Amino acid sequence: MPDIRLLLLAAIVVLAAVFVWQWWRSIDRTTGERLWPTPVQLLIGFLVSFFDTLGIGSLATTTTAFKALRMVPDERLPGTMIVGLTLTVVVQALIFISRIQIEPALLGLMIATALAGGWLGAGVVSRLPRRPIQAGMGVALLTAALFMTAAQLHRMPAGGTALSLSGGALWLALGVNFVLGALIMLGVGNYGPTFVLLSVLGMDPRAAFPIMMGSGAFAALLGCLAFVKRRNQVNQPALGLAIGGVPGVLVAALLVTSLPVDLLRWVVIVVVVYAAGMLLRAGVRRGA
């Protein structure tokens, strides 16, 4: 039986090559558009990808930076971010899938269910009210963060160190991951909920990283091909995200894979609280 991890890595590399080729072909060189990013754009790429690799997420931070500095028109902001951040997500996936030990079958199934949730759930989820879901997810994540903190303070059992799931726990994980994949269509990030899900099921928090990054890489690669086909990106800041982001990923990945599990759990708690705060802020904002 072929190694599932090798198949996933090969598929990511092939899709990434197709994406780079399509992006290169989409650039209209007759307009005189500036392509080489500025130092500020490279710094933004480094910082947002550094924190994204730790599980913080990059879309909210990139949006804030680009809007504050008026680098990208609002109507081209989604395409610029997705195109610019895709290669850094690919690097994240390649590092974590290859370096962090997790049962290959579980990894493949979790990535498949997240993508299936996004694909099949898009029509249904897109009609649901966004604000109540964001607020509810935010409250749920804050509650989970409290339980995780109590466990770290030895007030209740802490998460385990397992790298695989079976039986009911496996089916529960796949079902929840399907829902999380569908909620991505509403802009609800899956990093915090994935951390909580796997911790509750007794898994090593490191196991969340290849699952999160693998799902993100496939989703981003498939989605960004449509953006570059329609030329919805501004290339200079997008290249800043891509070029500056790769070293940010490498530095953060070294930190994640070298931290002891106990310290990493505290990092996860911070990430979950941050994600909860972002969801609650979006859920209560007028006109969200």
C-alpha atoms as a PDB file:
ATOM      1  CA  MET A   1       0.000   0.000   0.000  1.00  0.00           C
ATOM      2  CA  PRO A   2       1.482   3.412  -0.946  1.00  0.00           C
ATOM      3  CA  ASP A   3       2.477   5.776   1.853  1.00  0.00           C
ATOM      4  CA  ILE A   4      -0.429   8.198   2.299  1.00  0.00           C
ATOM      5  CA  ARG A   5       1.860  10.946   3.531  1.00  0.00           C
ATOM      6  CA  LEU A   6       4.053  10.686   0.429  1.00  0.00           C
ATOM      7  CA  LEU A   7       0.979  10.828  -1.796  1.00  0.00           C
ATOM      8  CA  LEU A   8      -0.261  13.944   0.024  1.00  0.00           C
ATOM      9  CA  LEU A   9       3.147  15.614  -0.241  1.00  0.00           C
ATOM     10  CA  ALA A  10       3.405  14.759  -3.949  1.00  0.00           C
ATOM     11  CA  ALA A  11      -0.084  16.099  -4.636  1.00  0.00           C
ATOM     12  CA  ILE A  12       0.710  19.364  -2.832  1.00  0.00           C
ATOM     13  CA  VAL A  13       3.937  19.818  -4.827  1.00  0.00           C
ATOM     14  CA  VAL A  14       2.201  19.156  -8.156  1.00  0.00           C
ATOM     15  CA  LEU A  15      -0.657  21.550  -7.368  1.00  0.00           C
ATOM     16  CA  ALA A  16       1.837  24.181  -6.172  1.00  0.00           C
ATOM     17  CA  ALA A  17       3.773  23.917  -9.439  1.00  0.00           C
ATOM     18  CA  VAL A  18       0.558  24.355 -11.435  1.00  0.00           C
ATOM     19  CA  PHE A  19      -0.354  27.372  -9.288  1.00  0.00           C
ATOM     20  CA  VAL A  20       3.046  29.073  -9.745  1.00  0.00           C
ATOM     21  CA  TRP A  21       2.878  28.511 -13.497  1.00  0.00           C
ATOM     22  CA  GLN A  22      -0.654  29.938 -13.716  1.00  0.00           C
ATOM     23  CA  TRP A  23       0.310  32.928 -11.565  1.00  0.00           C
ATOM     24  CA  TRP A  24       3.339  33.621 -13.775  1.00  0.00           C
ATOM     25  CA  ARG A  25       1.191  33.432 -16.912  1.00  0.00           C
ATOM     26  CA  SER A  26      -1.448  35.749 -15.422  1.00  0.00           C
ATOM     27  CA  ILE A  27       0.973  38.674 -15.026  1.00  0.00           C
ATOM     28  CA  ASP A  28       0.391  41.274 -17.727  1.00  0.00           C
ATOM     29  CA  ARG A  29       3.873  42.677 -18.440  1.00  0.00           C
ATOM     30  CA  THR A  30       2.584  45.312 -20.867  1.00  0.00           C
ATOM     31  CA  THR A  31       1.137  47.492 -18.098  1.00  0.00           C
ATOM     32  CA  GLY A  32       4.452  48.294 -16.415  1.00  0.00           C
ATOM     33  CA  GLU A  33       3.113  47.035 -13.073  1.00  0.00           C
ATOM     34  CA  ARG A  34       5.744  47.028 -10.338  1.00  0.00           C
ATOM     35  CA  LEU A  35       6.406  43.480  -9.192  1.00  0.00           C
ATOM     36  CA  TRP A  36       9.289  43.465  -6.694  1.00  0.00           C
ATOM     37  CA  PRO A  37       7.781  44.023  -3.206  1.00  0.00           C
ATOM     38  CA  THR A  38       8.807  46.833  -0.889  1.00  0.00           C
ATOM     39  CA  PRO A  39      10.592  46.142   2.439  1.00  0.00           C
ATOM     40  CA  VAL A  40       7.330  46.857   4.289  1.00  0.00           C
ATOM     41  CA  GLN A  41       5.438  44.302   2.183  1.00  0.00           C
ATOM     42  CA  LEU A  42       8.168  41.703   2.808  1.00  0.00           C
ATOM     43  CA  LEU A  43       8.003  42.412   6.560  1.00  0.00           C
ATOM     44  CA  ILE A  44       4.217  41.985   6.536  1.00  0.00           C
ATOM     45  CA  GLY A  45       4.663  38.662   4.756  1.00  0.00           C
ATOM     46  CA  PHE A  46       7.186  37.475   7.341  1.00  0.00           C
ATOM     47  CA  LEU A  47       5.111  38.474  10.371  1.00  0.00           C
ATOM     48  CA  VAL A  48       1.700  37.212   9.246  1.00  0.00           C
ATOM     49  CA  SER A  49       3.125  33.849   8.143  1.00  0.00           C
ATOM     50  CA  PHE A  50       5.150  33.505  11.358  1.00  0.00           C
ATOM     51  CA  PHE A  51       2.023  33.850  13.472  1.00  0.00           C
ATOM     52  CA  ASP A  52      -0.035  31.779  11.026  1.00  0.00           C
ATOM     53  CA  THR A  53       2.403  28.883  11.463  1.00  0.00           C
ATOM     54  CA  LEU A  54       1.844  29.057  15.227  1.00  0.00           C
ATOM     55  CA  GLY A  55      -1.894  28.650  14.565  1.00  0.00           C
ATOM     56  CA  ILE A  56      -2.945  32.303  14.934  1.00  0.00           C
ATOM     57  CA  GLY A  57      -4.156  32.565  11.344  1.00  0.00           C
ATOM     58  CA  SER A  58      -3.104  35.079   8.712  1.00  0.00           C
ATOM     59  CA  LEU A  59      -6.187  36.443   6.957  1.00  0.00           C
ATOM     60  CA  ALA A  60      -7.266  38.809   9.741  1.00  0.00           C
ATOM     61  CA  THR A  61      -3.758  40.148  10.355  1.00  0.00           C
ATOM     62  CA  THR A  62      -3.060  40.592   6.634  1.00  0.00           C
ATOM     63  CA  THR A  63      -6.382  42.364   6.104  1.00  0.00           C
ATOM     64  CA  THR A  64      -5.625  44.734   8.978  1.00  0.00           C
ATOM     65  CA  ALA A  65      -2.145  45.566   7.659  1.00  0.00           C
ATOM     66  CA  PHE A  66      -3.202  46.060   4.038  1.00  0.00           C
ATOM     67  CA  LYS A  67      -6.217  48.204   4.928  1.00  0.00           C
ATOM     68  CA  ALA A  68      -4.272  50.340   7.420  1.00  0.00           C
ATOM     69  CA  LEU A  69      -1.548  51.035   4.851  1.00  0.00           C
ATOM     70  CA  ARG A  70      -4.005  51.247   1.901  1.00  0.00           C
ATOM     71  CA  MET A  71      -1.896  48.867  -0.148  1.00  0.00           C
ATOM     72  CA  VAL A  72      -4.701  46.999  -1.911  1.00  0.00           C
ATOM     73  CA  PRO A  73      -8.174  48.079  -3.114  1.00  0.00           C
ATOM     74  CA  ASP A  74     -10.920  46.390  -1.104  1.00  0.00           C
ATOM     75  CA  GLU A  75     -12.335  44.571  -4.117  1.00  0.00           C
ATOM     76  CA  ARG A  76      -8.946  42.927  -4.820  1.00  0.00           C
ATOM     77  CA  LEU A  77      -8.046  42.201  -1.211  1.00  0.00           C
ATOM     78  CA  PRO A  78      -9.329  38.564  -1.066  1.00  0.00           C
ATOM     79  CA  GLY A  79      -7.536  37.568  -4.260  1.00  0.00           C
ATOM     80  CA  THR A  80      -4.295  39.272  -3.234  1.00  0.00           C
ATOM     81  CA  MET A  81      -4.277  37.550   0.166  1.00  0.00           C
ATOM     82  CA  ILE A  82      -5.176  34.075  -1.075  1.00  0.00           C
ATOM     83  CA  VAL A  83      -2.675  34.182  -3.939  1.00  0.00           C
ATOM     84  CA  GLY A  84       0.088  35.693  -1.800  1.00  0.00           C
ATOM     85  CA  LEU A  85      -0.346  33.393   1.199  1.00  0.00           C
ATOM     86  CA  THR A  86      -0.823  30.124  -0.686  1.00  0.00           C
ATOM     87  CA  LEU A  87       2.863  29.281  -1.123  1.00  0.00           C
ATOM     88  CA  THR A  88       3.553  29.844   2.580  1.00  0.00           C
ATOM     89  CA  VAL A  89       0.678  27.505   3.457  1.00  0.00           C
ATOM     90  CA  VAL A  90       2.234  24.965   1.071  1.00  0.00           C
ATOM     91  CA  VAL A  91       5.573  25.265   2.885  1.00  0.00           C
ATOM     92  CA  GLN A  92       3.782  24.826   6.221  1.00  0.00           C
ATOM     93  CA  ALA A  93       2.061  21.684   4.985  1.00  0.00           C
ATOM     94  CA  LEU A  94       5.251  20.171   3.571  1.00  0.00           C
ATOM     95  CA  ILE A  95       7.142  20.795   6.837  1.00  0.00           C
ATOM     96  CA  PHE A  96       4.501  19.579   9.264  1.00  0.00           C
ATOM     97  CA  ILE A  97       3.320  16.586   7.243  1.00  0.00           C
ATOM     98  CA  SER A  98       6.904  15.369   6.815  1.00  0.00           C
ATOM     99  CA  ARG A  99       8.264  16.202  10.297  1.00  0.00           C
ATOM    100  CA  ILE A 100       5.430  15.547  12.755  1.00  0.00           C
ATOM    101  CA  GLN A 101       4.500  11.933  13.321  1.00  0.00           C
ATOM    102  CA  ILE A 102       0.787  11.238  12.976  1.00  0.00           C
ATOM    103  CA  GLU A 103      -1.053   8.203  11.693  1.00  0.00           C
ATOM    104  CA  PRO A 104      -1.093   8.666   7.877  1.00  0.00           C
ATOM    105  CA  ALA A 105      -4.616   7.275   7.479  1.00  0.00           C
ATOM    106  CA  LEU A 106      -5.959   9.704  10.093  1.00  0.00           C
ATOM    107  CA  LEU A 107      -4.179  12.601   8.387  1.00  0.00           C
ATOM    108  CA  GLY A 108      -5.589  11.693   4.982  1.00  0.00           C
ATOM    109  CA  LEU A 109      -9.120  11.214   6.310  1.00  0.00           C
ATOM    110  CA  MET A 110      -9.103  14.487   8.263  1.00  0.00           C
ATOM    111  CA  ILE A 111      -7.905  16.465   5.238  1.00  0.00           C
ATOM    112  CA  ALA A 112     -10.475  14.735   3.015  1.00  0.00           C
ATOM    113  CA  THR A 113     -13.390  15.438   5.389  1.00  0.00           C
ATOM    114  CA  ALA A 114     -12.414  19.114   5.756  1.00  0.00           C
ATOM    115  CA  LEU A 115     -12.318  19.524   1.975  1.00  0.00           C
ATOM    116  CA  ALA A 116     -15.569  17.598   1.581  1.00  0.00           C
ATOM    117  CA  GLY A 117     -17.215  19.813   4.187  1.00  0.00           C
ATOM    118  CA  GLY A 118     -16.103  22.925   2.345  1.00  0.00           C
ATOM    119  CA  TRP A 119     -17.213  21.544  -1.020  1.00  0.00           C
ATOM    120  CA  LEU A 120     -20.528  19.952  -0.108  1.00  0.00           C
ATOM    121  CA  GLY A 121     -21.457  22.377   2.646  1.00  0.00           C
ATOM    122  CA  ALA A 122     -20.820  25.571   0.703  1.00  0.00           C
ATOM    123  CA  GLY A 123     -24.371  25.867  -0.609  1.00  0.00           C
ATOM    124  CA  VAL A 124     -26.010  25.173   2.747  1.00  0.00           C
ATOM    125  CA  VAL A 125     -23.643  27.077   5.005  1.00  0.00           C
ATOM    126  CA  SER A 126     -23.604  30.165   2.787  1.00  0.00           C
ATOM    127  CA  ARG A 127     -27.312  30.657   3.567  1.00  0.00           C
ATOM    128  CA  LEU A 128     -26.863  30.482   7.345  1.00  0.00           C
ATOM    129  CA  PRO A 129     -26.631  33.660   9.452  1.00  0.00           C
ATOM    130  CA  ARG A 130     -22.942  34.378   9.945  1.00  0.00           C
ATOM    131  CA  ARG A 131     -23.007  36.472  13.123  1.00  0.00           C
ATOM    132  CA  PRO A 132     -24.728  33.968  15.471  1.00  0.00           C
ATOM    133  CA  ILE A 133     -22.370  31.196  14.315  1.00  0.00           C
ATOM    134  CA  GLN A 134     -19.307  33.372  14.890  1.00  0.00           C
ATOM    135  CA  ALA A 135     -20.512  34.438  18.323  1.00  0.00           C
ATOM    136  CA  GLY A 136     -21.412  30.872  19.295  1.00  0.00           C
ATOM    137  CA  MET A 137     -18.063  29.530  18.138  1.00  0.00           C
ATOM    138  CA  GLY A 138     -16.305  32.309  20.038  1.00  0.00           C
ATOM    139  CA  VAL A 139     -18.071  31.434  23.295  1.00  0.00           C
ATOM    140  CA  ALA A 140     -17.386  27.724  22.758  1.00  0.00           C
ATOM    141  CA  LEU A 141     -13.678  28.364  22.193  1.00  0.00           C
ATOM    142  CA  LEU A 142     -13.399  30.571  25.287  1.00  0.00           C
ATOM    143  CA  THR A 143     -15.048  27.836  27.329  1.00  0.00           C
ATOM    144  CA  ALA A 144     -12.658  25.277  25.916  1.00  0.00           C
ATOM    145  CA  ALA A 145      -9.704  27.553  26.701  1.00  0.00           C
ATOM    146  CA  LEU A 146     -10.851  27.722  30.343  1.00  0.00           C
ATOM    147  CA  PHE A 147     -10.962  23.919  30.569  1.00  0.00           C
ATOM    148  CA  MET A 148      -7.561  23.628  28.905  1.00  0.00           C
ATOM    149  CA  THR A 149      -6.114  26.167  31.346  1.00  0.00           C
ATOM    150  CA  ALA A 150      -7.589  24.241  34.278  1.00  0.00           C
ATOM    151  CA  ALA A 151      -5.972  21.075  32.945  1.00  0.00           C
ATOM    152  CA  GLN A 152      -2.604  22.807  32.624  1.00  0.00           C
ATOM    153  CA  LEU A 153      -2.931  23.944  36.252  1.00  0.00           C
ATOM    154  CA  HIS A 154      -3.666  20.318  37.218  1.00  0.00           C
ATOM    155  CA  ARG A 155      -7.274  21.035  38.181  1.00  0.00           C
ATOM    156  CA  MET A 156      -8.567  18.397  35.754  1.00  0.00           C
ATOM    157  CA  PRO A 157      -7.091  15.738  33.416  1.00  0.00           C
ATOM    158  CA  ALA A 158      -4.928  17.199  30.644  1.00  0.00           C
ATOM    159  CA  GLY A 159      -4.882  16.175  26.984  1.00  0.00           C
ATOM    160  CA  GLY A 160      -2.883  13.140  26.005  1.00  0.00           C
ATOM    161  CA  THR A 161      -0.005  12.400  23.674  1.00  0.00           C
ATOM    162  CA  ALA A 162      -1.720  10.071  21.187  1.00  0.00           C
ATOM    163  CA  LEU A 163      -0.922  10.367  17.491  1.00  0.00           C
ATOM    164  CA  SER A 164      -3.869   8.343  16.202  1.00  0.00           C
ATOM    165  CA  LEU A 165      -7.585   7.799  16.820  1.00  0.00           C
ATOM    166  CA  SER A 166      -9.876   4.818  16.479  1.00  0.00           C
ATOM    167  CA  GLY A 167     -13.473   3.763  17.017  1.00  0.00           C
ATOM    168  CA  GLY A 168     -15.938   6.396  18.187  1.00  0.00           C
ATOM    169  CA  ALA A 169     -13.231   9.019  18.709  1.00  0.00           C
ATOM    170  CA  LEU A 170     -12.205   8.724  15.061  1.00  0.00           C
ATOM    171  CA  TRP A 171     -15.769   9.072  13.797  1.00  0.00           C
ATOM    172  CA  LEU A 172     -16.369  12.044  16.093  1.00  0.00           C
ATOM    173  CA  ALA A 173     -13.201  13.748  14.840  1.00  0.00           C
ATOM    174  CA  LEU A 174     -14.146  13.179  11.193  1.00  0.00           C
ATOM    175  CA  GLY A 175     -17.691  14.444  11.742  1.00  0.00           C
ATOM    176  CA  VAL A 176     -16.586  17.598  13.544  1.00  0.00           C
ATOM    177  CA  ASN A 177     -13.883  18.230  10.949  1.00  0.00           C
ATOM    178  CA  PHE A 178     -16.490  17.982   8.188  1.00  0.00           C
ATOM    179  CA  VAL A 179     -18.510  20.704   9.934  1.00  0.00           C
ATOM    180  CA  LEU A 180     -15.396  22.851  10.426  1.00  0.00           C
ATOM    181  CA  GLY A 181     -14.634  22.541   6.724  1.00  0.00           C
ATOM    182  CA  ALA A 182     -18.145  23.756   5.914  1.00  0.00           C
ATOM    183  CA  LEU A 183     -17.854  26.674   8.354  1.00  0.00           C
ATOM    184  CA  ILE A 184     -14.746  27.879   6.531  1.00  0.00           C
ATOM    185  CA  MET A 185     -17.203  28.991   3.838  1.00  0.00           C
ATOM    186  CA  LEU A 186     -18.461  31.536   6.395  1.00  0.00           C
ATOM    187  CA  GLY A 187     -14.963  32.758   7.143  1.00  0.00           C
ATOM    188  CA  VAL A 188     -14.808  30.873  10.463  1.00  0.00           C
ATOM    189  CA  GLY A 189     -11.219  29.696  10.929  1.00  0.00           C
ATOM    190  CA  ASN A 190     -10.573  26.067  11.825  1.00  0.00           C
ATOM    191  CA  TYR A 191      -7.265  26.379  13.709  1.00  0.00           C
ATOM    192  CA  GLY A 192      -8.635  27.015  17.204  1.00  0.00           C
ATOM    193  CA  PRO A 193     -11.466  24.453  16.963  1.00  0.00           C
ATOM    194  CA  THR A 194      -9.044  21.815  15.606  1.00  0.00           C
ATOM    195  CA  PHE A 195      -6.708  22.357  18.547  1.00  0.00           C
ATOM    196  CA  VAL A 196      -9.605  21.928  20.967  1.00  0.00           C
ATOM    197  CA  LEU A 197     -11.048  18.895  19.172  1.00  0.00           C
ATOM    198  CA  LEU A 198      -7.808  16.916  19.177  1.00  0.00           C
ATOM    199  CA  SER A 199      -6.909  17.931  22.743  1.00  0.00           C
ATOM    200  CA  VAL A 200     -10.289  16.751  24.026  1.00  0.00           C
ATOM    201  CA  LEU A 201      -9.746  13.431  22.231  1.00  0.00           C
ATOM    202  CA  GLY A 202      -6.402  12.981  23.990  1.00  0.00           C
ATOM    203  CA  MET A 203      -4.058  13.700  21.104  1.00  0.00           C
ATOM    204  CA  ASP A 204      -0.702  15.440  21.161  1.00  0.00           C
ATOM    205  CA  PRO A 205      -1.330  19.136  20.270  1.00  0.00           C
ATOM    206  CA  ARG A 206       1.389  18.857  17.624  1.00  0.00           C
ATOM    207  CA  ALA A 207      -0.881  16.489  15.692  1.00  0.00           C
ATOM    208  CA  ALA A 208      -3.166  19.423  14.898  1.00  0.00           C
ATOM    209  CA  PHE A 209      -0.506  21.131  12.776  1.00  0.00           C
ATOM    210  CA  PRO A 210      -0.235  18.673   9.842  1.00  0.00           C
ATOM    211  CA  ILE A 211      -4.024  18.353   9.804  1.00  0.00           C
ATOM    212  CA  MET A 212      -4.592  22.127   9.790  1.00  0.00           C
ATOM    213  CA  MET A 213      -1.828  22.949   7.338  1.00  0.00           C
ATOM    214  CA  GLY A 214      -2.620  20.044   5.005  1.00  0.00           C
ATOM    215  CA  SER A 215      -6.275  21.037   4.806  1.00  0.00           C
ATOM    216  CA  GLY A 216      -5.301  24.683   4.307  1.00  0.00           C
ATOM    217  CA  ALA A 217      -2.815  23.895   1.552  1.00  0.00           C
ATOM    218  CA  PHE A 218      -5.231  21.864  -0.554  1.00  0.00           C
ATOM    219  CA  ALA A 219      -8.072  24.361  -0.064  1.00  0.00           C
ATOM    220  CA  ALA A 220      -5.864  27.351  -0.890  1.00  0.00           C
ATOM    221  CA  LEU A 221      -4.286  25.741  -3.957  1.00  0.00           C
ATOM    222  CA  LEU A 222      -7.640  24.795  -5.428  1.00  0.00           C
ATOM    223  CA  GLY A 223      -9.165  28.183  -4.637  1.00  0.00           C
ATOM    224  CA  CYS A 224      -6.336  30.437  -5.796  1.00  0.00           C
ATOM    225  CA  LEU A 225      -6.273  28.950  -9.289  1.00  0.00           C
ATOM    226  CA  ALA A 226      -9.602  30.690  -9.864  1.00  0.00           C
ATOM    227  CA  PHE A 227      -8.237  33.989  -8.541  1.00  0.00           C
ATOM    228  CA  VAL A 228      -5.193  34.059 -10.818  1.00  0.00           C
ATOM    229  CA  LYS A 229      -7.304  33.009 -13.800  1.00  0.00           C
ATOM    230  CA  ARG A 230      -9.455  36.124 -13.259  1.00  0.00           C
ATOM    231  CA  ARG A 231      -6.399  38.241 -12.288  1.00  0.00           C
ATOM    232  CA  ASN A 232      -8.050  39.335  -9.055  1.00  0.00           C
ATOM    233  CA  GLN A 233      -4.746  39.875  -7.245  1.00  0.00           C
ATOM    234  CA  VAL A 234      -2.391  42.853  -6.947  1.00  0.00           C
ATOM    235  CA  ASN A 235       0.932  41.195  -7.696  1.00  0.00           C
ATOM    236  CA  GLN A 236       3.433  43.374  -5.796  1.00  0.00           C
ATOM    237  CA  PRO A 237       1.937  42.944  -2.278  1.00  0.00           C
ATOM    238  CA  ALA A 238       1.033  39.330  -3.115  1.00  0.00           C
ATOM    239  CA  LEU A 239       4.686  38.627  -3.913  1.00  0.00           C
ATOM    240  CA  GLY A 240       5.618  40.361  -0.651  1.00  0.00           C
ATOM    241  CA  LEU A 241       3.429  37.883   1.228  1.00  0.00           C
ATOM    242  CA  ALA A 242       4.924  34.932  -0.657  1.00  0.00           C
ATOM    243  CA  ILE A 243       8.611  35.909  -0.522  1.00  0.00           C
ATOM    244  CA  GLY A 244       8.577  37.328   3.001  1.00  0.00           C
ATOM    245  CA  GLY A 245       6.336  34.578   4.303  1.00  0.00           C
ATOM    246  CA  VAL A 246       8.573  31.581   3.591  1.00  0.00           C
ATOM    247  CA  PRO A 247      11.309  32.527   6.110  1.00  0.00           C
ATOM    248  CA  GLY A 248       8.569  33.388   8.611  1.00  0.00           C
ATOM    249  CA  VAL A 249       7.204  29.867   8.253  1.00  0.00           C
ATOM    250  CA  LEU A 250      10.643  28.281   8.669  1.00  0.00           C
ATOM    251  CA  VAL A 251      11.406  30.197  11.879  1.00  0.00           C
ATOM    252  CA  ALA A 252       7.996  29.457  13.414  1.00  0.00           C
ATOM    253  CA  ALA A 253       8.036  25.779  12.353  1.00  0.00           C
ATOM    254  CA  LEU A 254      11.362  25.307  14.130  1.00  0.00           C
ATOM    255  CA  LEU A 255       9.783  26.784  17.262  1.00  0.00           C
ATOM    256  CA  VAL A 256       6.687  24.554  17.070  1.00  0.00           C
ATOM    257  CA  THR A 257       8.585  21.308  16.511  1.00  0.00           C
ATOM    258  CA  SER A 258      11.140  22.025  19.258  1.00  0.00           C
ATOM    259  CA  LEU A 259       8.827  23.136  22.080  1.00  0.00           C
ATOM    260  CA  PRO A 260       8.056  20.598  24.819  1.00  0.00           C
ATOM    261  CA  VAL A 261       4.436  19.425  24.813  1.00  0.00           C
ATOM    262  CA  ASP A 262       3.559  21.152  28.098  1.00  0.00           C
ATOM    263  CA  LEU A 263       4.772  24.546  26.862  1.00  0.00           C
ATOM    264  CA  LEU A 264       3.123  24.000  23.493  1.00  0.00           C
ATOM    265  CA  ARG A 265      -0.215  23.492  25.256  1.00  0.00           C
ATOM    266  CA  TRP A 266       0.114  26.993  26.735  1.00  0.00           C
ATOM    267  CA  VAL A 267       0.777  28.321  23.219  1.00  0.00           C
ATOM    268  CA  VAL A 268      -2.360  26.504  22.046  1.00  0.00           C
ATOM    269  CA  ILE A 269      -4.406  28.133  24.823  1.00  0.00           C
ATOM    270  CA  VAL A 270      -3.225  31.582  23.700  1.00  0.00           C
ATOM    271  CA  VAL A 271      -4.127  30.722  20.099  1.00  0.00           C
ATOM    272  CA  VAL A 272      -7.589  29.494  21.094  1.00  0.00           C
ATOM    273  CA  VAL A 273      -8.296  32.635  23.156  1.00  0.00           C
ATOM    274  CA  TYR A 274      -7.152  34.812  20.248  1.00  0.00           C
ATOM    275  CA  ALA A 275      -9.369  32.910  17.809  1.00  0.00           C
ATOM    276  CA  ALA A 276     -12.320  33.211  20.207  1.00  0.00           C
ATOM    277  CA  GLY A 277     -11.780  36.946  20.523  1.00  0.00           C
ATOM    278  CA  MET A 278     -11.694  37.398  16.748  1.00  0.00           C
ATOM    279  CA  LEU A 279     -14.903  35.377  16.314  1.00  0.00           C
ATOM    280  CA  LEU A 280     -16.739  37.255  19.071  1.00  0.00           C
ATOM    281  CA  ARG A 281     -15.595  40.589  17.669  1.00  0.00           C
ATOM    282  CA  ALA A 282     -16.821  39.626  14.197  1.00  0.00           C
ATOM    283  CA  GLY A 283     -20.041  38.133  15.574  1.00  0.00           C
ATOM    284  CA  VAL A 284     -21.123  41.253  17.492  1.00  0.00           C
ATOM    285  CA  ARG A 285     -19.912  43.838  14.965  1.00  0.00           C
ATOM    286  CA  ARG A 286     -22.761  45.680  13.269  1.00  0.00           C
ATOM    287  CA  GLY A 287     -23.193  44.769   9.653  1.00  0.00           C
ATOM    288  CA  ALA A 288     -20.946  41.685   9.892  1.00  0.00           C
END
